[in-house]
Amino acid sequence: MAEALKLIHDSAFDSETVTLMGQVFDAAWSKVAGYFETQPQAVVQQERTELARAIIHLASRGMVDPDMLEQTALNVLRQSDST
């Protein structure tokens, strides 16, 4: 299992929320994966991990609406890439 998804599956949430977060991660990553096609694998892994951490953080603050969780996590990822 990829490190990013392992972070989600190992998090302290009920199974329904973990499933939701995994689905949100997959949907969000599919939207940005193309931007990283030419990047080294280490960069891709770092970005995937950053996305997973954003999803976990947002869910821990009570955000469980899939669309909002996905969009907000993508915004966090974009902000971290622009710094």
N, C-alpha and C. Protein backbone atom coordinates (compact mmCIF):
# COMPACT_ATOMS: atom_id res chain seq x y z
N MET A 1 0.85 -1.17 0.00
CA MET A 1 0.00 0.00 0.00
C MET A 1 0.90 1.24 0.00
N ALA A 2 0.56 2.19 -0.81
CA ALA A 2 1.35 3.41 -0.90
C ALA A 2 1.35 4.13 0.45
N GLU A 3 2.44 4.83 0.72
CA GLU A 3 2.60 5.51 1.99
C GLU A 3 1.45 6.47 2.29
N ALA A 4 1.00 7.21 1.28
CA ALA A 4 -0.08 8.18 1.50
C ALA A 4 -1.36 7.50 1.95
N LEU A 5 -1.74 6.43 1.26
CA LEU A 5 -2.97 5.73 1.64
C LEU A 5 -2.80 5.01 2.97
N LYS A 6 -1.58 4.57 3.27
CA LYS A 6 -1.33 3.94 4.57
C LYS A 6 -1.58 4.93 5.70
N LEU A 7 -1.19 6.19 5.49
CA LEU A 7 -1.48 7.22 6.51
C LEU A 7 -2.97 7.30 6.79
N ILE A 8 -3.77 7.26 5.75
CA ILE A 8 -5.22 7.35 5.91
C ILE A 8 -5.76 6.11 6.60
N HIS A 9 -5.32 4.93 6.15
CA HIS A 9 -5.85 3.70 6.72
C HIS A 9 -5.40 3.47 8.16
N ASP A 10 -4.25 4.04 8.53
CA ASP A 10 -3.76 3.89 9.90
C ASP A 10 -4.26 4.99 10.83
N SER A 11 -5.04 5.93 10.32
CA SER A 11 -5.52 7.04 11.15
C SER A 11 -6.60 6.56 12.11
N ALA A 12 -6.84 7.37 13.12
CA ALA A 12 -7.76 7.00 14.20
C ALA A 12 -9.18 7.47 13.90
N PHE A 13 -9.77 6.91 12.84
CA PHE A 13 -11.14 7.23 12.47
C PHE A 13 -11.92 5.93 12.35
N ASP A 14 -13.24 6.05 12.40
CA ASP A 14 -14.06 4.85 12.20
C ASP A 14 -13.90 4.40 10.74
N SER A 15 -14.27 3.16 10.48
CA SER A 15 -14.04 2.57 9.17
C SER A 15 -14.78 3.31 8.05
N GLU A 16 -15.95 3.84 8.34
CA GLU A 16 -16.71 4.58 7.34
C GLU A 16 -15.97 5.85 6.92
N THR A 17 -15.40 6.55 7.90
CA THR A 17 -14.66 7.78 7.60
C THR A 17 -13.36 7.46 6.87
N VAL A 18 -12.70 6.37 7.25
CA VAL A 18 -11.47 5.96 6.56
C VAL A 18 -11.77 5.63 5.10
N THR A 19 -12.87 4.94 4.86
CA THR A 19 -13.27 4.63 3.48
C THR A 19 -13.54 5.92 2.71
N LEU A 20 -14.27 6.83 3.33
CA LEU A 20 -14.56 8.11 2.70
C LEU A 20 -13.27 8.86 2.37
N MET A 21 -12.34 8.92 3.31
CA MET A 21 -11.08 9.63 3.08
C MET A 21 -10.28 8.98 1.96
N GLY A 22 -10.29 7.66 1.88
CA GLY A 22 -9.60 6.97 0.79
C GLY A 22 -10.21 7.31 -0.56
N GLN A 23 -11.52 7.37 -0.61
CA GLN A 23 -12.21 7.73 -1.85
C GLN A 23 -11.92 9.17 -2.24
N VAL A 24 -11.91 10.05 -1.27
CA VAL A 24 -11.61 11.46 -1.52
C VAL A 24 -10.16 11.59 -2.01
N PHE A 25 -9.25 10.88 -1.38
CA PHE A 25 -7.86 10.91 -1.81
C PHE A 25 -7.73 10.48 -3.27
N ASP A 26 -8.33 9.35 -3.62
CA ASP A 26 -8.26 8.85 -5.00
C ASP A 26 -8.84 9.85 -5.99
N ALA A 27 -9.98 10.44 -5.65
CA ALA A 27 -10.62 11.41 -6.54
C ALA A 27 -9.75 12.66 -6.69
N ALA A 28 -9.23 13.15 -5.58
CA ALA A 28 -8.41 14.36 -5.62
C ALA A 28 -7.11 14.10 -6.38
N TRP A 29 -6.47 12.98 -6.11
CA TRP A 29 -5.21 12.69 -6.78
C TRP A 29 -5.41 12.54 -8.29
N SER A 30 -6.52 11.96 -8.70
CA SER A 30 -6.76 11.78 -10.13
C SER A 30 -6.86 13.13 -10.84
N LYS A 31 -7.24 14.17 -10.11
CA LYS A 31 -7.35 15.50 -10.70
C LYS A 31 -6.00 16.20 -10.85
N VAL A 32 -5.02 15.83 -10.07
CA VAL A 32 -3.73 16.53 -10.11
C VAL A 32 -2.56 15.65 -10.55
N ALA A 33 -2.77 14.37 -10.68
CA ALA A 33 -1.67 13.44 -10.99
C ALA A 33 -0.92 13.84 -12.25
N GLY A 34 -1.63 14.33 -13.24
CA GLY A 34 -1.00 14.71 -14.51
C GLY A 34 0.05 15.80 -14.36
N TYR A 35 -0.10 16.64 -13.36
CA TYR A 35 0.86 17.71 -13.13
C TYR A 35 2.21 17.18 -12.66
N PHE A 36 2.22 15.96 -12.17
CA PHE A 36 3.43 15.40 -11.60
C PHE A 36 4.04 14.29 -12.46
N GLU A 37 3.53 14.09 -13.67
CA GLU A 37 4.00 13.00 -14.54
C GLU A 37 5.50 13.06 -14.81
N THR A 38 6.05 14.25 -14.93
CA THR A 38 7.46 14.38 -15.28
C THR A 38 8.36 14.55 -14.05
N GLN A 39 7.76 14.53 -12.88
CA GLN A 39 8.53 14.72 -11.65
C GLN A 39 9.15 13.40 -11.18
N PRO A 40 10.26 13.49 -10.47
CA PRO A 40 10.85 12.28 -9.88
C PRO A 40 9.86 11.60 -8.92
N GLN A 41 10.00 10.31 -8.78
CA GLN A 41 9.10 9.54 -7.92
C GLN A 41 9.07 10.08 -6.49
N ALA A 42 10.20 10.56 -6.01
CA ALA A 42 10.25 11.11 -4.65
C ALA A 42 9.34 12.33 -4.51
N VAL A 43 9.27 13.15 -5.53
CA VAL A 43 8.40 14.33 -5.50
C VAL A 43 6.94 13.89 -5.54
N VAL A 44 6.64 12.92 -6.38
CA VAL A 44 5.27 12.40 -6.47
C VAL A 44 4.83 11.85 -5.11
N GLN A 45 5.70 11.07 -4.48
CA GLN A 45 5.37 10.49 -3.17
C GLN A 45 5.17 11.59 -2.14
N GLN A 46 6.01 12.62 -2.17
CA GLN A 46 5.89 13.73 -1.23
C GLN A 46 4.55 14.45 -1.42
N GLU A 47 4.14 14.68 -2.64
CA GLU A 47 2.86 15.36 -2.92
C GLU A 47 1.68 14.49 -2.49
N ARG A 48 1.75 13.19 -2.76
CA ARG A 48 0.68 12.28 -2.35
C ARG A 48 0.55 12.27 -0.82
N THR A 49 1.69 12.26 -0.15
CA THR A 49 1.68 12.27 1.32
C THR A 49 1.11 13.58 1.84
N GLU A 50 1.47 14.69 1.22
CA GLU A 50 0.94 16.00 1.61
C GLU A 50 -0.59 16.03 1.45
N LEU A 51 -1.08 15.47 0.35
CA LEU A 51 -2.52 15.41 0.12
C LEU A 51 -3.20 14.56 1.19
N ALA A 52 -2.63 13.42 1.49
CA ALA A 52 -3.20 12.55 2.53
C ALA A 52 -3.23 13.24 3.87
N ARG A 53 -2.15 13.91 4.21
CA ARG A 53 -2.10 14.63 5.50
C ARG A 53 -3.15 15.73 5.56
N ALA A 54 -3.35 16.42 4.44
CA ALA A 54 -4.38 17.47 4.42
C ALA A 54 -5.75 16.87 4.65
N ILE A 55 -6.04 15.75 4.01
CA ILE A 55 -7.34 15.09 4.17
C ILE A 55 -7.53 14.65 5.61
N ILE A 56 -6.50 14.06 6.20
CA ILE A 56 -6.59 13.61 7.59
C ILE A 56 -6.83 14.80 8.52
N HIS A 57 -6.08 15.86 8.31
CA HIS A 57 -6.23 17.06 9.16
C HIS A 57 -7.64 17.63 9.06
N LEU A 58 -8.12 17.77 7.84
CA LEU A 58 -9.46 18.35 7.66
C LEU A 58 -10.54 17.45 8.25
N ALA A 59 -10.42 16.15 8.06
CA ALA A 59 -11.40 15.22 8.62
C ALA A 59 -11.36 15.26 10.15
N SER A 60 -10.17 15.42 10.71
CA SER A 60 -10.06 15.48 12.17
C SER A 60 -10.73 16.72 12.73
N ARG A 61 -10.93 17.73 11.90
CA ARG A 61 -11.62 18.95 12.30
C ARG A 61 -13.11 18.90 11.97
N GLY A 62 -13.56 17.71 11.54
CA GLY A 62 -14.99 17.51 11.33
C GLY A 62 -15.47 17.64 9.91
N MET A 63 -14.58 17.88 8.97
CA MET A 63 -14.99 18.03 7.58
C MET A 63 -15.12 16.63 6.96
N VAL A 64 -16.35 16.22 6.71
CA VAL A 64 -16.57 14.89 6.13
C VAL A 64 -17.43 14.93 4.88
N ASP A 65 -17.83 16.11 4.44
CA ASP A 65 -18.53 16.21 3.16
C ASP A 65 -17.50 15.92 2.07
N PRO A 66 -17.71 14.89 1.26
CA PRO A 66 -16.68 14.48 0.30
C PRO A 66 -16.24 15.59 -0.66
N ASP A 67 -17.18 16.34 -1.21
CA ASP A 67 -16.82 17.39 -2.17
C ASP A 67 -16.03 18.50 -1.50
N MET A 68 -16.47 18.92 -0.33
CA MET A 68 -15.77 19.98 0.38
C MET A 68 -14.39 19.50 0.83
N LEU A 69 -14.32 18.27 1.31
CA LEU A 69 -13.05 17.70 1.75
C LEU A 69 -12.06 17.63 0.59
N GLU A 70 -12.52 17.18 -0.56
CA GLU A 70 -11.65 17.09 -1.73
C GLU A 70 -11.16 18.46 -2.17
N GLN A 71 -12.06 19.41 -2.32
CA GLN A 71 -11.68 20.74 -2.79
C GLN A 71 -10.76 21.45 -1.81
N THR A 72 -11.05 21.33 -0.54
CA THR A 72 -10.21 22.00 0.46
C THR A 72 -8.82 21.36 0.52
N ALA A 73 -8.76 20.04 0.45
CA ALA A 73 -7.46 19.35 0.45
C ALA A 73 -6.65 19.73 -0.78
N LEU A 74 -7.31 19.84 -1.94
CA LEU A 74 -6.60 20.27 -3.15
C LEU A 74 -6.10 21.70 -3.00
N ASN A 75 -6.87 22.56 -2.37
CA ASN A 75 -6.43 23.93 -2.12
C ASN A 75 -5.21 23.96 -1.21
N VAL A 76 -5.21 23.12 -0.19
CA VAL A 76 -4.05 23.02 0.72
C VAL A 76 -2.83 22.57 -0.08
N LEU A 77 -3.01 21.57 -0.93
CA LEU A 77 -1.90 21.07 -1.74
C LEU A 77 -1.37 22.17 -2.66
N ARG A 78 -2.26 22.90 -3.29
CA ARG A 78 -1.83 24.00 -4.18
C ARG A 78 -1.06 25.06 -3.40
N GLN A 79 -1.54 25.39 -2.21
CA GLN A 79 -0.86 26.40 -1.40
C GLN A 79 0.53 25.93 -0.98
N SER A 80 0.65 24.66 -0.65
CA SER A 80 1.96 24.14 -0.23
C SER A 80 2.92 24.09 -1.41
N ASP A 81 2.40 23.91 -2.62
CA ASP A 81 3.26 23.88 -3.81
C ASP A 81 3.71 25.27 -4.22
N SER A 82 2.96 26.29 -3.84
CA SER A 82 3.30 27.64 -4.27
C SER A 82 4.24 28.35 -3.29
N THR A 83 4.54 27.69 -2.17
CA THR A 83 5.43 28.33 -1.20
C THR A 83 6.86 27.91 -1.41
